[in-house]
Amino acid sequence: MKAENSNSSQACKSERQGLSVVFLHHNRPWSIEIAVKALKMALQSWKIPHQLIVADDGSDLRLQGFLESLGCDEIIGLRREDSGNSGSCGISDSGLHRDAGDSRNAATTYSVIQAAYSRAVYPYLLHVEDDFWILPQGFDDHGKCHLEGLSAIPAGAGSCPDILSAAAGVLETVKDAHVIELARSFSNRRYESSKGTESSFCRIPFRAKIHAGHPRFYTCAWPHMMRTEEIRSIQLPLGLDCWDGEMKMGEAFNERFGAGDWVYMPERCYFYHVNIFTWRRRFNRSVRYPMIWTETESMQGLSWQMEPVEDFNEKLLEAFINGDLKNDVDLFFSIPAAEYVYKMFYEKVTR
């Protein structure tokens, strides 16, 4: 995947080296289906050779057939012959991952990620969690607010600059760049960036995040791209859950790459976070307002309202397995993401 600096008169080169994508998934079939299909459509539109790997963190075994139907190249981790407990549904509540997003088997999370990374065949690797959907045209964010992304209608990738080749162009050209964050933007004042490092690839500006302001790299969930050989060189905190492991991952990245400005961000965000019901009561997370994770105190600008739902993902999982819920991919590409979630899932689970 070659990309040209803005100083060149050429656009992105047609020669492509390829991208391996690892989707981390746990019991959110309703979400990973859109994540995979939307990203695959963008990769095909941009003519990027690609490999899709699902790194499953102990999901319900009833999802085996569904995950196979997504057409990915490999599914790793759903069936573990070395474990007497094949899925997270049988794990006691005391053994569940305490992240706000979902419940995970702490003993397997980083093991399955490591196994997925080892299967990557292309020189660049994109890590995506199952509740991040690509928005090829990008969107503006403010603070932790992704409201513009949730309100956006996904565009056809063919009409948008190729963000994935652009990110590869940064890694190929800038020797100090080691991580490209794709769901954070340098236009967001929350992230201090270096104006002197700004350069464009495939017509998309990038800047380095100033390391002193944000020394911890949040690696587990937010989409990021790296050189495959480098992501494999990071020592993963095997045996820890995602939440505690992220702290160790930050230490490992800092030890590997030092204190320099090695994280780069585009001017806009390119993945929106759709898990808008994560602050659940059973994790003792207070919910003062709808969609508090966006740091907004109202639903201004939206024509619908969503309140927190206890055990929302579990209810969605059972409804999906029972056939009561089914994605409509065509509808996804015609209405805003938040409206899609509201119409397709929220109303059906809460009514």
Protein backbone atom coordinates (compact mmCIF):
# COMPACT_ATOMS: atom_id res chain seq x y z
CA MET A 1 0.00 0.00 0.00
CA LYS A 2 2.02 2.97 -1.24
CA ALA A 3 1.15 6.56 -0.45
CA GLU A 4 2.65 9.82 -1.64
CA ASN A 5 3.59 12.84 0.43
CA SER A 6 1.77 16.08 -0.39
CA ASN A 7 4.99 17.42 -1.94
CA SER A 8 4.50 14.97 -4.79
CA SER A 9 2.28 15.82 -7.72
CA GLN A 10 0.97 12.26 -7.77
CA ALA A 11 -1.94 10.92 -5.75
CA CYS A 12 -1.73 7.57 -3.97
CA LYS A 13 0.16 5.06 -6.07
CA SER A 14 -1.79 2.17 -7.49
CA GLU A 15 0.79 -0.33 -6.23
CA ARG A 16 -0.50 -1.89 -2.99
CA GLN A 17 1.39 -3.95 -0.45
CA GLY A 18 -1.69 -5.07 1.44
CA LEU A 19 -3.30 -4.85 4.87
CA SER A 20 -4.11 -7.46 7.50
CA VAL A 21 -7.09 -6.57 9.71
CA VAL A 22 -7.68 -8.09 13.16
CA PHE A 23 -11.21 -7.70 14.57
CA LEU A 24 -11.34 -8.32 18.33
CA HIS A 25 -14.79 -9.74 19.09
CA HIS A 26 -16.82 -10.97 22.04
CA ASN A 27 -20.54 -11.76 21.81
CA ARG A 28 -21.53 -8.76 19.69
CA PRO A 29 -22.58 -10.37 16.40
CA TRP A 30 -24.97 -7.50 15.62
CA SER A 31 -22.01 -5.10 15.68
CA ILE A 32 -19.15 -7.10 14.16
CA GLU A 33 -21.27 -7.88 11.09
CA ILE A 34 -21.46 -4.19 10.19
CA ALA A 35 -17.82 -3.63 11.22
CA VAL A 36 -16.62 -6.37 8.86
CA LYS A 37 -18.91 -5.68 5.92
CA ALA A 38 -18.40 -1.90 5.94
CA LEU A 39 -14.63 -2.20 6.18
CA LYS A 40 -14.50 -4.93 3.53
CA MET A 41 -16.51 -2.73 1.18
CA ALA A 42 -14.05 0.14 1.71
CA LEU A 43 -11.02 -2.11 1.16
CA GLN A 44 -12.50 -3.45 -2.06
CA SER A 45 -13.46 0.03 -3.25
CA TRP A 46 -9.92 1.30 -2.63
CA LYS A 47 -8.49 -1.87 -4.25
CA ILE A 48 -6.37 -2.73 -1.22
CA PRO A 49 -5.26 -6.38 -0.96
CA HIS A 50 -6.40 -7.51 2.45
CA GLN A 51 -6.71 -10.32 4.97
CA LEU A 52 -9.51 -10.33 7.57
CA ILE A 53 -9.02 -12.16 10.87
CA VAL A 54 -11.56 -12.44 13.70
CA ALA A 55 -9.86 -12.76 17.09
CA ASP A 56 -12.73 -14.11 19.17
CA ASP A 57 -12.40 -13.73 22.92
CA GLY A 58 -14.50 -16.67 24.10
CA SER A 59 -17.91 -15.94 22.57
CA ASP A 60 -20.98 -18.15 22.81
CA LEU A 61 -20.33 -21.23 20.68
CA ARG A 62 -23.71 -20.75 19.01
CA LEU A 63 -22.07 -17.92 17.04
CA GLN A 64 -19.66 -20.24 15.23
CA GLY A 65 -21.76 -20.57 12.09
CA PHE A 66 -22.60 -16.88 12.00
CA LEU A 67 -18.96 -15.80 12.28
CA GLU A 68 -18.03 -18.22 9.51
CA SER A 69 -20.70 -16.63 7.31
CA LEU A 70 -18.94 -13.24 7.45
CA GLY A 71 -16.40 -14.44 4.89
CA CYS A 72 -13.26 -13.58 6.87
CA ASP A 73 -10.04 -15.44 6.16
CA GLU A 74 -9.67 -16.85 9.66
CA ILE A 75 -11.52 -17.09 12.96
CA ILE A 76 -9.23 -17.59 15.94
CA GLY A 77 -10.16 -18.36 19.53
CA LEU A 78 -13.84 -19.34 19.49
CA ARG A 79 -13.14 -23.04 19.99
CA ARG A 80 -10.33 -23.69 22.44
CA GLU A 81 -9.49 -27.34 22.81
CA ASP A 82 -7.15 -26.60 25.73
CA SER A 83 -9.87 -25.10 27.88
CA GLY A 84 -12.52 -26.88 29.87
CA ASN A 85 -14.66 -23.79 29.50
CA SER A 86 -15.15 -23.07 25.82
CA GLY A 87 -17.10 -19.86 26.06
CA SER A 88 -17.56 -16.88 28.31
CA CYS A 89 -21.18 -17.78 29.02
CA GLY A 90 -20.03 -20.41 31.50
CA ILE A 91 -17.51 -18.20 33.30
CA SER A 92 -18.53 -17.06 36.76
CA ASP A 93 -19.24 -13.37 37.16
CA SER A 94 -16.10 -12.98 39.28
CA GLY A 95 -14.00 -14.01 36.28
CA LEU A 96 -15.44 -11.52 33.83
CA HIS A 97 -13.54 -8.60 32.31
CA ARG A 98 -14.53 -5.38 34.08
CA ASP A 99 -14.24 -3.01 31.15
CA ALA A 100 -17.28 -0.85 30.49
CA GLY A 101 -17.74 -2.32 27.03
CA ASP A 102 -18.28 -6.03 27.61
CA SER A 103 -17.31 -9.08 29.64
CA ARG A 104 -14.24 -11.04 28.65
CA ASN A 105 -12.23 -14.05 29.75
CA ALA A 106 -9.13 -12.42 31.23
CA ALA A 107 -7.03 -15.53 30.62
CA THR A 108 -7.57 -15.49 26.87
CA THR A 109 -7.89 -11.88 25.65
CA TYR A 110 -4.25 -11.19 24.87
CA SER A 111 -3.52 -14.79 23.94
CA VAL A 112 -6.07 -14.68 21.13
CA ILE A 113 -4.81 -11.24 20.03
CA GLN A 114 -1.26 -12.60 19.90
CA ALA A 115 -2.40 -15.61 17.87
CA ALA A 116 -4.23 -13.35 15.42
CA TYR A 117 -1.21 -11.07 15.00
CA SER A 118 0.96 -14.11 14.26
CA ARG A 119 -1.30 -15.03 11.31
CA ALA A 120 -1.00 -11.64 9.57
CA VAL A 121 0.50 -11.98 6.08
CA TYR A 122 0.72 -8.31 5.00
CA PRO A 123 3.28 -5.67 6.05
CA TYR A 124 0.67 -3.44 7.74
CA LEU A 125 -1.83 -4.46 10.40
CA LEU A 126 -5.04 -2.70 11.44
CA HIS A 127 -6.50 -3.53 14.86
CA VAL A 128 -10.25 -2.90 15.20
CA GLU A 129 -12.62 -3.83 18.01
CA ASP A 130 -16.05 -5.14 17.05
CA ASP A 131 -17.96 -1.97 17.94
CA PHE A 132 -16.09 0.43 15.65
CA TRP A 133 -17.63 1.05 12.21
CA ILE A 134 -15.65 2.79 9.47
CA LEU A 135 -16.85 6.14 8.15
CA PRO A 136 -14.84 6.56 4.92
CA GLN A 137 -15.43 10.32 4.62
CA GLY A 138 -14.32 10.94 8.20
CA PHE A 139 -15.93 13.25 10.74
CA ASP A 140 -15.03 15.95 13.26
CA ASP A 141 -14.87 15.14 16.95
CA HIS A 142 -14.68 17.33 20.04
CA GLY A 143 -13.38 16.09 23.37
CA LYS A 144 -14.67 12.54 23.66
CA CYS A 145 -17.76 13.46 21.67
CA HIS A 146 -18.39 11.40 18.54
CA LEU A 147 -21.85 12.81 18.01
CA GLU A 148 -21.04 13.96 14.47
CA GLY A 149 -19.95 10.46 13.57
CA LEU A 150 -23.05 8.92 15.10
CA SER A 151 -25.17 11.40 13.15
CA ALA A 152 -23.38 10.84 9.83
CA ILE A 153 -24.62 8.76 6.94
CA PRO A 154 -21.84 6.42 5.71
CA ALA A 155 -20.53 7.42 2.29
CA GLY A 156 -19.32 5.14 -0.46
CA ALA A 157 -15.59 4.69 -0.05
CA GLY A 158 -14.97 5.24 -3.76
CA SER A 159 -15.90 8.91 -3.39
CA CYS A 160 -13.57 9.45 -0.39
CA PRO A 161 -9.78 9.81 0.00
CA ASP A 162 -8.22 6.46 0.90
CA ILE A 163 -7.52 6.79 4.64
CA LEU A 164 -6.02 3.29 4.93
CA SER A 165 -3.45 3.80 2.19
CA ALA A 166 -2.76 7.24 3.65
CA ALA A 167 -2.02 5.70 7.06
CA ALA A 168 0.25 3.15 5.40
CA GLY A 169 1.96 6.03 3.61
CA VAL A 170 2.81 7.64 6.94
CA LEU A 171 4.30 4.38 8.24
CA GLU A 172 6.22 3.87 5.00
CA THR A 173 7.60 7.39 4.82
CA VAL A 174 7.98 8.73 8.37
CA LYS A 175 10.60 6.73 10.24
CA ASP A 176 9.50 8.09 13.64
CA ALA A 177 5.87 7.02 13.09
CA HIS A 178 4.99 3.69 14.69
CA VAL A 179 1.26 3.92 15.46
CA ILE A 180 -1.51 5.56 13.42
CA GLU A 181 -4.67 6.25 15.41
CA LEU A 182 -7.77 6.29 13.20
CA ALA A 183 -10.52 7.13 15.70
CA ARG A 184 -8.77 10.22 17.07
CA SER A 185 -8.00 13.44 15.23
CA PHE A 186 -5.42 16.17 15.64
CA SER A 187 -8.11 18.81 15.13
CA ASN A 188 -9.53 17.73 18.48
CA ARG A 189 -8.15 20.03 21.18
CA ARG A 190 -8.15 17.10 23.57
CA TYR A 191 -5.02 15.81 21.85
CA GLU A 192 -1.94 18.02 21.69
CA SER A 193 -0.19 17.63 18.33
CA SER A 194 2.97 18.95 16.69
CA LYS A 195 2.18 21.40 13.86
CA GLY A 196 5.72 21.02 12.54
CA THR A 197 5.12 17.36 11.71
CA GLU A 198 2.04 17.94 9.55
CA SER A 199 2.13 16.36 6.11
CA SER A 200 -0.52 14.99 3.75
CA PHE A 201 -0.86 11.51 2.33
CA CYS A 202 -3.60 10.71 -0.17
CA ARG A 203 -4.88 14.26 0.44
CA ILE A 204 -5.32 13.57 4.18
CA PRO A 205 -3.25 15.63 6.67
CA PHE A 206 -1.51 13.86 9.59
CA ARG A 207 0.33 15.12 12.66
CA ALA A 208 2.30 13.52 15.49
CA LYS A 209 0.65 13.44 18.89
CA ILE A 210 2.91 15.10 21.45
CA HIS A 211 4.00 12.26 23.70
CA ALA A 212 4.51 14.35 26.83
CA GLY A 213 0.84 15.26 26.86
CA HIS A 214 -0.47 11.72 26.36
CA PRO A 215 2.19 9.21 27.46
CA ARG A 216 -0.23 6.27 27.70
CA PHE A 217 -1.19 4.69 24.43
CA TYR A 218 -4.69 3.21 24.69
CA THR A 219 -4.20 0.16 22.54
CA CYS A 220 -6.87 -2.46 23.11
CA ALA A 221 -10.02 -1.01 21.66
CA TRP A 222 -9.46 2.08 19.54
CA PRO A 223 -8.60 1.34 15.88
CA HIS A 224 -4.93 1.76 15.07
CA MET A 225 -2.54 0.73 12.28
CA MET A 226 1.08 -0.36 12.64
CA ARG A 227 3.83 -2.13 10.74
CA THR A 228 3.09 -5.80 11.30
CA GLU A 229 6.64 -6.64 12.32
CA GLU A 230 6.52 -3.90 14.97
CA ILE A 231 3.17 -4.81 16.46
CA ARG A 232 4.44 -8.36 16.85
CA SER A 233 7.48 -7.05 18.72
CA ILE A 234 5.35 -5.64 21.56
CA GLN A 235 5.20 -7.91 24.60
CA LEU A 236 1.51 -8.54 25.28
CA PRO A 237 0.36 -8.82 28.93
CA LEU A 238 -0.85 -12.41 28.67
CA GLY A 239 -3.22 -13.39 31.47
CA LEU A 240 -4.50 -9.89 32.19
CA ASP A 241 -7.93 -8.57 31.28
CA CYS A 242 -8.30 -5.74 28.78
CA TRP A 243 -8.61 -2.98 31.35
CA ASP A 244 -5.50 -3.84 33.38
CA GLY A 245 -3.71 -5.00 30.25
CA GLU A 246 -4.05 -1.61 28.59
CA MET A 247 -1.93 -0.06 31.33
CA LYS A 248 0.77 -2.67 30.72
CA MET A 249 0.47 -2.20 26.96
CA GLY A 250 1.16 1.50 27.38
CA GLU A 251 4.31 0.66 29.30
CA ALA A 252 5.36 -1.86 26.67
CA PHE A 253 4.89 0.64 23.82
CA ASN A 254 6.84 3.31 25.67
CA GLU A 255 9.65 0.85 26.36
CA ARG A 256 9.72 -0.26 22.72
CA PHE A 257 9.51 3.16 21.03
CA GLY A 258 10.78 5.56 23.69
CA ALA A 259 9.57 9.01 24.66
CA GLY A 260 9.44 10.48 21.15
CA ASP A 261 6.33 11.52 19.24
CA TRP A 262 5.65 8.19 17.55
CA VAL A 263 1.82 8.23 17.48
CA TYR A 264 0.29 9.97 14.43
CA MET A 265 -3.31 11.09 13.90
CA PRO A 266 -5.25 12.24 10.82
CA GLU A 267 -7.10 15.55 10.82
CA ARG A 268 -10.45 13.78 11.16
CA CYS A 269 -11.79 10.57 12.77
CA TYR A 270 -12.54 7.60 10.53
CA PHE A 271 -14.19 5.09 12.87
CA TYR A 272 -17.21 5.79 15.02
CA HIS A 273 -17.77 4.02 18.33
CA VAL A 274 -21.25 2.51 18.29
CA ASN A 275 -21.27 0.85 21.71
CA ILE A 276 -23.40 3.60 23.17
CA PHE A 277 -24.81 1.51 26.02
CA THR A 278 -21.53 0.56 27.68
CA TRP A 279 -21.90 2.40 30.99
CA ARG A 280 -23.98 -0.33 32.53
CA ARG A 281 -25.22 -0.54 36.10
CA ARG A 282 -23.58 -3.85 36.84
CA PHE A 283 -20.16 -2.24 36.39
CA ASN A 284 -21.06 0.43 38.95
CA ARG A 285 -20.72 3.16 36.34
CA SER A 286 -22.99 6.11 36.98
CA VAL A 287 -25.15 7.35 34.12
CA ARG A 288 -26.25 10.95 34.64
CA TYR A 289 -27.24 11.63 31.05
CA PRO A 290 -27.99 9.63 27.90
CA MET A 291 -24.79 8.87 25.98
CA ILE A 292 -22.62 10.24 28.80
CA TRP A 293 -19.56 8.69 27.17
CA THR A 294 -19.71 11.42 24.54
CA GLU A 295 -19.30 14.11 27.22
CA THR A 296 -22.54 15.66 26.06
CA GLU A 297 -25.34 16.50 28.45
CA SER A 298 -28.16 16.38 25.95
CA MET A 299 -29.26 14.73 22.74
CA GLN A 300 -29.37 18.04 20.91
CA GLY A 301 -29.26 17.50 17.17
CA LEU A 302 -30.74 14.02 17.30
CA SER A 303 -34.39 13.25 16.61
CA TRP A 304 -34.45 10.22 18.92
CA GLN A 305 -33.42 9.56 22.50
CA MET A 306 -31.66 6.54 23.96
CA GLU A 307 -31.35 5.78 27.66
CA PRO A 308 -28.91 3.33 29.28
CA VAL A 309 -30.07 -0.28 29.18
CA GLU A 310 -28.89 -2.77 31.75
CA ASP A 311 -27.35 -5.90 30.21
CA PHE A 312 -28.03 -4.49 26.74
CA ASN A 313 -25.39 -6.57 24.95
CA GLU A 314 -26.62 -9.77 26.57
CA LYS A 315 -30.19 -9.02 25.49
CA LEU A 316 -29.00 -8.24 21.96
CA LEU A 317 -26.99 -11.46 21.83
CA GLU A 318 -29.96 -13.65 22.73
CA ALA A 319 -32.28 -11.79 20.35
CA PHE A 320 -29.73 -12.16 17.55
CA ILE A 321 -29.22 -15.89 18.16
CA ASN A 322 -32.99 -16.42 18.39
CA GLY A 323 -33.46 -14.69 15.05
CA ASP A 324 -35.43 -11.76 16.46
CA LEU A 325 -32.77 -9.27 15.30
CA LYS A 326 -31.12 -9.14 11.90
CA ASN A 327 -28.92 -6.53 10.27
CA ASP A 328 -30.01 -4.65 7.16
CA VAL A 329 -26.71 -3.59 5.58
CA ASP A 330 -28.41 -1.57 2.84
CA LEU A 331 -30.28 0.42 5.48
CA PHE A 332 -27.01 1.03 7.33
CA PHE A 333 -25.65 2.85 4.29
CA SER A 334 -28.69 5.09 4.00
CA ILE A 335 -29.27 6.47 7.52
CA PRO A 336 -27.06 7.81 10.35
CA ALA A 337 -25.32 5.26 12.55
CA ALA A 338 -27.13 6.23 15.74
CA GLU A 339 -30.48 6.08 13.98
CA TYR A 340 -29.59 2.66 12.59
CA VAL A 341 -28.79 1.34 16.08
CA TYR A 342 -31.97 2.90 17.42
CA LYS A 343 -34.26 1.47 14.73
CA MET A 344 -32.64 -1.95 14.40
CA PHE A 345 -31.71 -2.77 17.98
CA TYR A 346 -32.64 -0.33 20.71
CA GLU A 347 -36.37 -0.17 19.99
CA LYS A 348 -36.67 -3.93 19.61
CA VAL A 349 -34.88 -4.70 22.87
CA THR A 350 -36.52 -2.02 25.03
CA ARG A 351 -40.10 -1.87 23.75
